[in-house]
Amino acid sequence: TAILSPLIAEREAMKSSELMLELGGILRTFKFIFRGTGYDEKLVREVEGLEASGSVYICTLCDATRLEASQNLVFHSITRSHAENLERY
């Protein structure tokens, strides 16, 4: 998405970078390899919502899944406080 473009561009730039360290008198070169990370999922969730990140839940404050919400559009209760939510996500 357009919002994630700067992050993607930064990651692409880092993919071609190398870290050079001297270990025990020998110069070693390390390349960065990026795979799917929880950070990316958290960023997508924060920017675009739970559904965009592939979550089965409809919000971060209740435990209702999308299936449960589609069957019951009225009764949902908040099961976590904001502080608990920050710890969890």
Protein backbone atom coordinates (compact mmCIF):
# COMPACT_ATOMS: atom_id res chain seq x y z
CA THR A 1 0.00 0.00 0.00
CA ALA A 2 1.00 3.62 -0.37
CA ILE A 3 1.42 4.10 3.37
CA LEU A 4 3.94 1.26 3.60
CA SER A 5 6.01 2.44 0.60
CA PRO A 6 8.73 4.22 2.66
CA LEU A 7 9.22 1.11 4.81
CA ILE A 8 9.43 -1.12 1.74
CA ALA A 9 11.93 1.24 0.09
CA GLU A 10 14.08 1.28 3.23
CA ARG A 11 14.01 -2.51 3.42
CA GLU A 12 14.98 -2.82 -0.25
CA ALA A 13 17.94 -0.47 0.35
CA MET A 14 19.03 -2.52 3.36
CA LYS A 15 18.85 -5.75 1.35
CA SER A 16 21.76 -4.59 -0.76
CA SER A 17 23.82 -3.38 2.21
CA GLU A 18 26.50 -5.30 4.04
CA LEU A 19 27.78 -5.17 7.60
CA MET A 20 31.54 -5.60 7.94
CA LEU A 21 32.97 -6.59 11.32
CA GLU A 22 36.41 -7.64 12.42
CA LEU A 23 36.13 -10.78 14.53
CA GLY A 24 39.30 -12.26 15.98
CA GLY A 25 41.45 -10.32 13.55
CA ILE A 26 39.47 -11.59 10.54
CA LEU A 27 37.25 -9.24 8.56
CA ARG A 28 33.76 -10.76 8.20
CA THR A 29 30.96 -9.55 5.92
CA PHE A 30 27.28 -10.06 6.74
CA LYS A 31 24.31 -9.51 4.43
CA PHE A 32 20.78 -8.82 5.65
CA ILE A 33 18.08 -11.33 4.75
CA PHE A 34 14.50 -10.26 5.43
CA ARG A 35 11.66 -12.70 5.82
CA GLY A 36 8.13 -12.20 7.13
CA THR A 37 8.32 -10.58 10.56
CA GLY A 38 5.85 -9.79 13.31
CA TYR A 39 6.85 -6.14 13.02
CA ASP A 40 5.43 -5.94 9.50
CA GLU A 41 2.17 -7.50 10.64
CA LYS A 42 1.94 -5.05 13.53
CA LEU A 43 2.57 -2.12 11.19
CA VAL A 44 -0.12 -3.26 8.76
CA ARG A 45 -2.53 -3.84 11.65
CA GLU A 46 -1.85 -0.38 13.06
CA VAL A 47 -2.17 1.41 9.73
CA GLU A 48 -4.93 -0.56 8.01
CA GLY A 49 -6.74 -2.46 10.75
CA LEU A 50 -6.90 -6.06 11.91
CA GLU A 51 -8.56 -7.49 8.82
CA ALA A 52 -5.79 -6.21 6.53
CA SER A 53 -3.19 -8.02 8.61
CA GLY A 54 -5.06 -11.31 8.19
CA SER A 55 -6.43 -11.45 11.73
CA VAL A 56 -9.62 -13.39 12.41
CA TYR A 57 -10.59 -10.85 15.08
CA ILE A 58 -12.60 -7.71 14.34
CA CYS A 59 -10.97 -5.44 16.90
CA THR A 60 -8.18 -5.42 19.45
CA LEU A 61 -10.41 -4.81 22.47
CA CYS A 62 -12.76 -7.80 22.18
CA ASP A 63 -12.32 -11.46 21.36
CA ALA A 64 -15.07 -11.62 18.72
CA THR A 65 -14.01 -13.17 15.44
CA ARG A 66 -15.32 -11.98 12.09
CA LEU A 67 -17.53 -15.07 11.87
CA GLU A 68 -19.03 -14.42 15.32
CA ALA A 69 -19.57 -10.75 14.51
CA SER A 70 -21.36 -11.57 11.25
CA GLN A 71 -23.79 -13.77 13.17
CA ASN A 72 -24.34 -11.27 15.99
CA LEU A 73 -24.03 -7.61 15.01
CA VAL A 74 -25.39 -6.21 18.29
CA PHE A 75 -23.81 -7.78 21.36
CA HIS A 76 -20.07 -7.34 21.73
CA SER A 77 -18.26 -6.56 24.94
CA ILE A 78 -14.84 -5.09 25.54
CA THR A 79 -12.82 -7.82 27.22
CA ARG A 80 -9.51 -5.96 27.61
CA SER A 81 -8.47 -2.55 28.87
CA HIS A 82 -6.35 -0.24 26.75
CA ALA A 83 -3.29 -1.04 28.92
CA GLU A 84 -3.81 -4.80 28.42
CA ASN A 85 -4.24 -4.17 24.72
CA LEU A 86 -0.91 -2.32 24.54
CA GLU A 87 0.82 -5.25 26.25
CA ARG A 88 -0.83 -7.80 23.97
CA TYR A 89 -0.24 -6.01 20.68
